[in-house]
């Protein structure tokens, strides 16, 4: 099995090619350039250096959100276009799930946080069962940082990661009363290798779909929609 994975839900742009045995290639950047500038050149580069094409893939895995509205739309449009042209299926992978899957060797509750600006985050809460599968402890939600801390304090031990941690680190340190730790820097952001690994498990579970059925998960309305309603 071989998969091309795309991650564009936040500031990080990341693409990977993986098989069941290993991540064959991965490119990850966290720069000020937009995903519309970086994503396609990165995909072209990783395919060229891996000496393969989209036609060689069994499917395309896409980080479906939550996250940046613009980033998710760019990633989704890219994945759908390539999948349609190459007649490949898509496997959707939740962004928070993929982040948690990257640090799944723990007995603690894994809490990935994506910064949603203005003291808000997209939060997920997961445990890992004996088979290494993620179990959702609480449904992923858009929360204020205070609401997130209240939930965190309800668990015995928590592992925290994501740019939502960095954006609110001092408040987290001050208000968390339960045992917690932050992941090391190399695990702290979204990566396409994580999307690929979890995507392969989902593919084996029969979760692939035609490209036309894929749509991002936003969890909340865009700022423009909220301002229009106000």
C-alpha atoms as a PDB file:
ATOM      1  CA  UNK A   1       0.000   0.000   0.000  1.00  0.00           C
ATOM      2  CA  UNK A   2       1.205   3.506  -0.808  1.00  0.00           C
ATOM      3  CA  UNK A   3      -0.434   6.808   0.160  1.00  0.00           C
ATOM      4  CA  UNK A   4       0.076  10.488  -0.566  1.00  0.00           C
ATOM      5  CA  UNK A   5      -0.925  12.581   2.464  1.00  0.00           C
ATOM      6  CA  UNK A   6      -1.639  16.309   2.658  1.00  0.00           C
ATOM      7  CA  UNK A   7      -1.777  18.523   5.760  1.00  0.00           C
ATOM      8  CA  UNK A   8      -2.762  22.188   5.352  1.00  0.00           C
ATOM      9  CA  UNK A   9      -5.078  22.879   8.288  1.00  0.00           C
ATOM     10  CA  UNK A  10      -2.883  25.511   9.951  1.00  0.00           C
ATOM     11  CA  UNK A  11       0.303  27.479   9.395  1.00  0.00           C
ATOM     12  CA  UNK A  12       2.127  24.231   8.653  1.00  0.00           C
ATOM     13  CA  UNK A  13       2.139  22.914   5.096  1.00  0.00           C
ATOM     14  CA  UNK A  14       3.129  19.260   4.944  1.00  0.00           C
ATOM     15  CA  UNK A  15       3.069  16.442   2.402  1.00  0.00           C
ATOM     16  CA  UNK A  16       4.204  12.841   2.776  1.00  0.00           C
ATOM     17  CA  UNK A  17       4.372   9.567   0.904  1.00  0.00           C
ATOM     18  CA  UNK A  18       4.146   6.453   3.058  1.00  0.00           C
ATOM     19  CA  UNK A  19       3.760   2.698   2.900  1.00  0.00           C
ATOM     20  CA  UNK A  20       2.761   0.245   5.631  1.00  0.00           C
ATOM     21  CA  UNK A  21       6.421  -0.145   6.590  1.00  0.00           C
ATOM     22  CA  UNK A  22       7.613   3.453   6.720  1.00  0.00           C
ATOM     23  CA  UNK A  23       7.246   7.095   5.742  1.00  0.00           C
ATOM     24  CA  UNK A  24       9.079   7.156   2.416  1.00  0.00           C
ATOM     25  CA  UNK A  25       9.324  10.940   2.158  1.00  0.00           C
ATOM     26  CA  UNK A  26       7.981  13.994   3.965  1.00  0.00           C
ATOM     27  CA  UNK A  27       8.264  17.742   3.469  1.00  0.00           C
ATOM     28  CA  UNK A  28       7.023  20.072   6.209  1.00  0.00           C
ATOM     29  CA  UNK A  29       7.309  23.846   6.352  1.00  0.00           C
ATOM     30  CA  UNK A  30       6.032  26.495   8.741  1.00  0.00           C
ATOM     31  CA  UNK A  31       6.584  29.741   6.899  1.00  0.00           C
ATOM     32  CA  UNK A  32       4.698  32.940   6.154  1.00  0.00           C
ATOM     33  CA  UNK A  33       3.970  31.839   2.602  1.00  0.00           C
ATOM     34  CA  UNK A  34       0.380  30.807   1.862  1.00  0.00           C
ATOM     35  CA  UNK A  35      -0.503  27.201   1.110  1.00  0.00           C
ATOM     36  CA  UNK A  36      -1.553  28.284  -2.371  1.00  0.00           C
ATOM     37  CA  UNK A  37       2.132  29.179  -2.944  1.00  0.00           C
ATOM     38  CA  UNK A  38       3.738  26.175  -1.282  1.00  0.00           C
ATOM     39  CA  UNK A  39       1.502  23.094  -1.426  1.00  0.00           C
ATOM     40  CA  UNK A  40       1.587  22.155  -5.132  1.00  0.00           C
ATOM     41  CA  UNK A  41       5.351  22.734  -5.503  1.00  0.00           C
ATOM     42  CA  UNK A  42       5.913  20.569  -2.410  1.00  0.00           C
ATOM     43  CA  UNK A  43       3.753  17.768  -3.840  1.00  0.00           C
ATOM     44  CA  UNK A  44       5.568  17.991  -7.175  1.00  0.00           C
ATOM     45  CA  UNK A  45       8.936  17.842  -5.400  1.00  0.00           C
ATOM     46  CA  UNK A  46       8.100  14.887  -3.169  1.00  0.00           C
ATOM     47  CA  UNK A  47       6.696  12.873  -6.078  1.00  0.00           C
ATOM     48  CA  UNK A  48       9.724  13.665  -8.206  1.00  0.00           C
ATOM     49  CA  UNK A  49      12.231  12.773  -5.496  1.00  0.00           C
ATOM     50  CA  UNK A  50      10.322   9.580  -4.687  1.00  0.00           C
ATOM     51  CA  UNK A  51      10.245   8.706  -8.398  1.00  0.00           C
ATOM     52  CA  UNK A  52       6.506   8.045  -8.415  1.00  0.00           C
ATOM     53  CA  UNK A  53       3.249   9.660  -9.515  1.00  0.00           C
ATOM     54  CA  UNK A  54      -0.222  10.082  -8.075  1.00  0.00           C
ATOM     55  CA  UNK A  55      -1.238   7.110 -10.235  1.00  0.00           C
ATOM     56  CA  UNK A  56       1.096   4.942  -8.128  1.00  0.00           C
ATOM     57  CA  UNK A  57      -0.839   5.757  -4.953  1.00  0.00           C
ATOM     58  CA  UNK A  58      -3.574   3.524  -3.567  1.00  0.00           C
ATOM     59  CA  UNK A  59      -5.382   6.587  -2.221  1.00  0.00           C
ATOM     60  CA  UNK A  60      -4.872  10.169  -1.046  1.00  0.00           C
ATOM     61  CA  UNK A  61      -5.163  11.024   2.657  1.00  0.00           C
ATOM     62  CA  UNK A  62      -6.233  14.553   3.554  1.00  0.00           C
ATOM     63  CA  UNK A  63      -6.295  16.325   6.886  1.00  0.00           C
ATOM     64  CA  UNK A  64      -9.953  17.361   6.983  1.00  0.00           C
ATOM     65  CA  UNK A  65      -9.916  19.812   9.880  1.00  0.00           C
ATOM     66  CA  UNK A  66     -10.742  21.598  12.027  1.00  0.00           C
ATOM     67  CA  UNK A  67      -8.371  24.471  11.430  1.00  0.00           C
ATOM     68  CA  UNK A  68      -7.859  27.423   9.129  1.00  0.00           C
ATOM     69  CA  UNK A  69     -10.755  27.898   6.697  1.00  0.00           C
ATOM     70  CA  UNK A  70      -8.435  28.984   3.896  1.00  0.00           C
ATOM     71  CA  UNK A  71      -5.849  26.295   4.554  1.00  0.00           C
ATOM     72  CA  UNK A  72      -8.426  23.524   4.681  1.00  0.00           C
ATOM     73  CA  UNK A  73     -10.065  24.657   1.458  1.00  0.00           C
ATOM     74  CA  UNK A  74      -6.746  24.786  -0.370  1.00  0.00           C
ATOM     75  CA  UNK A  75      -5.746  21.322   0.847  1.00  0.00           C
ATOM     76  CA  UNK A  76      -9.145  19.826   0.101  1.00  0.00           C
ATOM     77  CA  UNK A  77      -9.314  21.310  -3.381  1.00  0.00           C
ATOM     78  CA  UNK A  78      -5.811  20.035  -4.125  1.00  0.00           C
ATOM     79  CA  UNK A  79      -6.583  16.513  -2.888  1.00  0.00           C
ATOM     80  CA  UNK A  80      -9.929  16.345  -4.695  1.00  0.00           C
ATOM     81  CA  UNK A  81      -8.430  17.563  -7.950  1.00  0.00           C
ATOM     82  CA  UNK A  82      -5.592  15.056  -7.910  1.00  0.00           C
ATOM     83  CA  UNK A  83      -7.820  12.183  -6.778  1.00  0.00           C
ATOM     84  CA  UNK A  84     -10.376  12.920  -9.488  1.00  0.00           C
ATOM     85  CA  UNK A  85      -7.755  13.181 -12.229  1.00  0.00           C
ATOM     86  CA  UNK A  86      -6.007   9.962 -11.164  1.00  0.00           C
ATOM     87  CA  UNK A  87      -9.254   8.122 -10.341  1.00  0.00           C
ATOM     88  CA  UNK A  88      -8.185   7.582  -6.744  1.00  0.00           C
ATOM     89  CA  UNK A  89     -10.220   7.546  -3.539  1.00  0.00           C
ATOM     90  CA  UNK A  90      -9.773   9.920  -0.625  1.00  0.00           C
ATOM     91  CA  UNK A  91      -9.443   9.044   3.040  1.00  0.00           C
ATOM     92  CA  UNK A  92     -10.356  11.840   5.434  1.00  0.00           C
ATOM     93  CA  UNK A  93      -8.305  12.109   8.624  1.00  0.00           C
ATOM     94  CA  UNK A  94      -9.344  14.443  11.425  1.00  0.00           C
ATOM     95  CA  UNK A  95      -6.577  16.959  12.118  1.00  0.00           C
ATOM     96  CA  UNK A  96      -6.825  16.603  15.895  1.00  0.00           C
ATOM     97  CA  UNK A  97      -6.890  12.800  15.590  1.00  0.00           C
ATOM     98  CA  UNK A  98      -3.735  12.776  13.461  1.00  0.00           C
ATOM     99  CA  UNK A  99      -1.955  15.035  15.938  1.00  0.00           C
ATOM    100  CA  UNK A 100      -2.925  12.747  18.820  1.00  0.00           C
ATOM    101  CA  UNK A 101      -1.907   9.656  16.856  1.00  0.00           C
ATOM    102  CA  UNK A 102       1.614  11.011  16.603  1.00  0.00           C
ATOM    103  CA  UNK A 103       2.039  10.813  20.406  1.00  0.00           C
ATOM    104  CA  UNK A 104      -0.134   7.779  21.067  1.00  0.00           C
ATOM    105  CA  UNK A 105       2.386   5.822  23.171  1.00  0.00           C
ATOM    106  CA  UNK A 106       0.992   7.069  26.492  1.00  0.00           C
ATOM    107  CA  UNK A 107      -1.590   6.230  29.136  1.00  0.00           C
ATOM    108  CA  UNK A 108      -2.501   9.898  29.568  1.00  0.00           C
ATOM    109  CA  UNK A 109      -5.359  11.713  27.872  1.00  0.00           C
ATOM    110  CA  UNK A 110      -3.934  13.287  24.705  1.00  0.00           C
ATOM    111  CA  UNK A 111      -5.188  16.826  24.159  1.00  0.00           C
ATOM    112  CA  UNK A 112      -4.247  18.466  20.839  1.00  0.00           C
ATOM    113  CA  UNK A 113      -5.177  22.155  20.665  1.00  0.00           C
ATOM    114  CA  UNK A 114      -5.348  24.221  17.472  1.00  0.00           C
ATOM    115  CA  UNK A 115      -5.287  27.993  17.891  1.00  0.00           C
ATOM    116  CA  UNK A 116      -8.590  29.557  16.779  1.00  0.00           C
ATOM    117  CA  UNK A 117      -7.586  33.106  17.786  1.00  0.00           C
ATOM    118  CA  UNK A 118      -8.873  35.395  20.540  1.00  0.00           C
ATOM    119  CA  UNK A 119      -8.412  32.855  23.361  1.00  0.00           C
ATOM    120  CA  UNK A 120     -10.310  30.152  21.467  1.00  0.00           C
ATOM    121  CA  UNK A 121      -9.085  26.716  20.417  1.00  0.00           C
ATOM    122  CA  UNK A 122     -10.202  23.625  18.564  1.00  0.00           C
ATOM    123  CA  UNK A 123      -9.720  20.885  21.139  1.00  0.00           C
ATOM    124  CA  UNK A 124      -9.665  17.098  21.030  1.00  0.00           C
ATOM    125  CA  UNK A 125      -9.421  14.596  23.890  1.00  0.00           C
ATOM    126  CA  UNK A 126      -8.217  11.033  23.209  1.00  0.00           C
ATOM    127  CA  UNK A 127      -6.997   7.870  24.890  1.00  0.00           C
ATOM    128  CA  UNK A 128      -5.216   4.919  23.283  1.00  0.00           C
ATOM    129  CA  UNK A 129      -6.609   1.397  23.697  1.00  0.00           C
ATOM    130  CA  UNK A 130      -4.634  -1.854  23.896  1.00  0.00           C
ATOM    131  CA  UNK A 131      -4.672  -2.213  20.104  1.00  0.00           C
ATOM    132  CA  UNK A 132      -3.133   1.216  19.611  1.00  0.00           C
ATOM    133  CA  UNK A 133      -6.369   2.776  18.351  1.00  0.00           C
ATOM    134  CA  UNK A 134      -7.505   6.257  19.383  1.00  0.00           C
ATOM    135  CA  UNK A 135     -10.611   6.455  21.539  1.00  0.00           C
ATOM    136  CA  UNK A 136     -12.386   9.800  21.594  1.00  0.00           C
ATOM    137  CA  UNK A 137     -12.958  10.726  25.247  1.00  0.00           C
ATOM    138  CA  UNK A 138     -14.846  13.920  24.348  1.00  0.00           C
ATOM    139  CA  UNK A 139     -16.123  14.980  20.964  1.00  0.00           C
ATOM    140  CA  UNK A 140     -13.843  17.553  19.301  1.00  0.00           C
ATOM    141  CA  UNK A 141     -15.065  21.059  20.036  1.00  0.00           C
ATOM    142  CA  UNK A 142     -14.450  24.759  19.506  1.00  0.00           C
ATOM    143  CA  UNK A 143     -13.884  26.090  23.034  1.00  0.00           C
ATOM    144  CA  UNK A 144     -12.538  29.091  24.902  1.00  0.00           C
ATOM    145  CA  UNK A 145      -9.245  28.431  26.627  1.00  0.00           C
ATOM    146  CA  UNK A 146     -10.978  28.600  30.018  1.00  0.00           C
ATOM    147  CA  UNK A 147     -13.518  25.973  28.934  1.00  0.00           C
ATOM    148  CA  UNK A 148     -10.640  23.819  27.694  1.00  0.00           C
ATOM    149  CA  UNK A 149      -8.744  24.113  30.980  1.00  0.00           C
ATOM    150  CA  UNK A 150     -11.883  23.153  32.898  1.00  0.00           C
ATOM    151  CA  UNK A 151     -12.127  19.946  30.849  1.00  0.00           C
ATOM    152  CA  UNK A 152      -8.402  19.239  31.213  1.00  0.00           C
ATOM    153  CA  UNK A 153      -8.653  19.502  34.987  1.00  0.00           C
ATOM    154  CA  UNK A 154     -11.258  16.739  34.933  1.00  0.00           C
ATOM    155  CA  UNK A 155      -8.629  14.183  33.826  1.00  0.00           C
ATOM    156  CA  UNK A 156      -5.912  12.553  35.915  1.00  0.00           C
ATOM    157  CA  UNK A 157      -3.026  13.012  33.454  1.00  0.00           C
ATOM    158  CA  UNK A 158      -2.902  14.980  30.210  1.00  0.00           C
ATOM    159  CA  UNK A 159      -0.469  15.404  27.326  1.00  0.00           C
ATOM    160  CA  UNK A 160      -0.801  18.744  25.495  1.00  0.00           C
ATOM    161  CA  UNK A 161       0.312  19.688  21.989  1.00  0.00           C
ATOM    162  CA  UNK A 162      -0.407  22.058  19.110  1.00  0.00           C
ATOM    163  CA  UNK A 163      -0.151  25.755  18.328  1.00  0.00           C
ATOM    164  CA  UNK A 164      -3.136  26.328  20.627  1.00  0.00           C
ATOM    165  CA  UNK A 165      -0.804  25.382  23.467  1.00  0.00           C
ATOM    166  CA  UNK A 166       1.851  27.869  22.399  1.00  0.00           C
ATOM    167  CA  UNK A 167      -0.724  30.653  22.013  1.00  0.00           C
ATOM    168  CA  UNK A 168      -2.027  30.093  25.557  1.00  0.00           C
ATOM    169  CA  UNK A 169       0.926  28.505  27.374  1.00  0.00           C
ATOM    170  CA  UNK A 170       1.164  30.885  30.317  1.00  0.00           C
ATOM    171  CA  UNK A 171      -2.547  30.586  31.041  1.00  0.00           C
ATOM    172  CA  UNK A 172      -2.364  26.802  30.786  1.00  0.00           C
ATOM    173  CA  UNK A 173       0.577  26.693  33.208  1.00  0.00           C
ATOM    174  CA  UNK A 174      -1.233  28.976  35.646  1.00  0.00           C
ATOM    175  CA  UNK A 175      -4.657  27.322  35.655  1.00  0.00           C
ATOM    176  CA  UNK A 176      -4.134  23.589  35.040  1.00  0.00           C
ATOM    177  CA  UNK A 177      -4.337  21.775  38.363  1.00  0.00           C
ATOM    178  CA  UNK A 178      -3.955  18.161  37.181  1.00  0.00           C
ATOM    179  CA  UNK A 179      -0.773  16.362  36.100  1.00  0.00           C
ATOM    180  CA  UNK A 180       0.232  17.447  32.603  1.00  0.00           C
ATOM    181  CA  UNK A 181       3.151  17.728  30.190  1.00  0.00           C
ATOM    182  CA  UNK A 182       3.876  19.384  26.872  1.00  0.00           C
ATOM    183  CA  UNK A 183       5.174  17.243  24.005  1.00  0.00           C
ATOM    184  CA  UNK A 184       8.681  17.906  22.608  1.00  0.00           C
ATOM    185  CA  UNK A 185       9.023  20.310  19.722  1.00  0.00           C
ATOM    186  CA  UNK A 186       9.272  17.654  16.992  1.00  0.00           C
ATOM    187  CA  UNK A 187       5.775  16.352  17.870  1.00  0.00           C
ATOM    188  CA  UNK A 188       4.098  19.679  18.526  1.00  0.00           C
ATOM    189  CA  UNK A 189       2.652  20.484  15.090  1.00  0.00           C
ATOM    190  CA  UNK A 190       0.547  18.880  12.382  1.00  0.00           C
ATOM    191  CA  UNK A 191       2.495  16.645  10.004  1.00  0.00           C
ATOM    192  CA  UNK A 192       1.487  14.761   6.881  1.00  0.00           C
ATOM    193  CA  UNK A 193       3.329  11.659   8.088  1.00  0.00           C
ATOM    194  CA  UNK A 194       0.790  11.387  10.916  1.00  0.00           C
ATOM    195  CA  UNK A 195      -2.066  11.846   8.443  1.00  0.00           C
ATOM    196  CA  UNK A 196      -0.609   9.101   6.244  1.00  0.00           C
ATOM    197  CA  UNK A 197      -0.190   6.631   9.127  1.00  0.00           C
ATOM    198  CA  UNK A 198      -3.705   7.090  10.461  1.00  0.00           C
ATOM    199  CA  UNK A 199      -5.099   7.263   6.926  1.00  0.00           C
ATOM    200  CA  UNK A 200      -3.778   3.768   6.199  1.00  0.00           C
ATOM    201  CA  UNK A 201      -5.569   2.390   9.243  1.00  0.00           C
ATOM    202  CA  UNK A 202      -8.782   4.069   8.116  1.00  0.00           C
ATOM    203  CA  UNK A 203      -8.316   2.756   4.581  1.00  0.00           C
ATOM    204  CA  UNK A 204      -8.089  -0.793   5.920  1.00  0.00           C
ATOM    205  CA  UNK A 205     -11.302  -0.114   7.890  1.00  0.00           C
ATOM    206  CA  UNK A 206     -13.126   0.753   4.660  1.00  0.00           C
ATOM    207  CA  UNK A 207     -13.294   4.512   5.192  1.00  0.00           C
ATOM    208  CA  UNK A 208     -12.171   5.534   1.689  1.00  0.00           C
ATOM    209  CA  UNK A 209     -14.590   7.610  -0.399  1.00  0.00           C
ATOM    210  CA  UNK A 210     -14.900   9.087  -3.891  1.00  0.00           C
ATOM    211  CA  UNK A 211     -13.277  12.504  -4.197  1.00  0.00           C
ATOM    212  CA  UNK A 212     -16.685  14.111  -4.802  1.00  0.00           C
ATOM    213  CA  UNK A 213     -17.840  13.184  -1.290  1.00  0.00           C
ATOM    214  CA  UNK A 214     -15.006  14.837   0.607  1.00  0.00           C
ATOM    215  CA  UNK A 215     -15.585  18.127   2.435  1.00  0.00           C
ATOM    216  CA  UNK A 216     -13.580  19.826   5.222  1.00  0.00           C
ATOM    217  CA  UNK A 217     -14.704  19.907   8.860  1.00  0.00           C
ATOM    218  CA  UNK A 218     -14.748  23.451  10.236  1.00  0.00           C
ATOM    219  CA  UNK A 219     -16.507  23.110  13.674  1.00  0.00           C
ATOM    220  CA  UNK A 220     -17.541  26.752  13.553  1.00  0.00           C
ATOM    221  CA  UNK A 221     -18.564  29.403  11.065  1.00  0.00           C
ATOM    222  CA  UNK A 222     -15.986  31.606   9.409  1.00  0.00           C
ATOM    223  CA  UNK A 223     -15.306  35.103  10.718  1.00  0.00           C
ATOM    224  CA  UNK A 224     -17.021  36.610   7.674  1.00  0.00           C
ATOM    225  CA  UNK A 225     -20.157  34.533   8.324  1.00  0.00           C
ATOM    226  CA  UNK A 226     -20.188  35.496  12.002  1.00  0.00           C
ATOM    227  CA  UNK A 227     -19.777  39.194  11.190  1.00  0.00           C
ATOM    228  CA  UNK A 228     -22.596  39.020   8.614  1.00  0.00           C
ATOM    229  CA  UNK A 229     -24.931  37.479  11.197  1.00  0.00           C
ATOM    230  CA  UNK A 230     -24.063  40.202  13.704  1.00  0.00           C
END
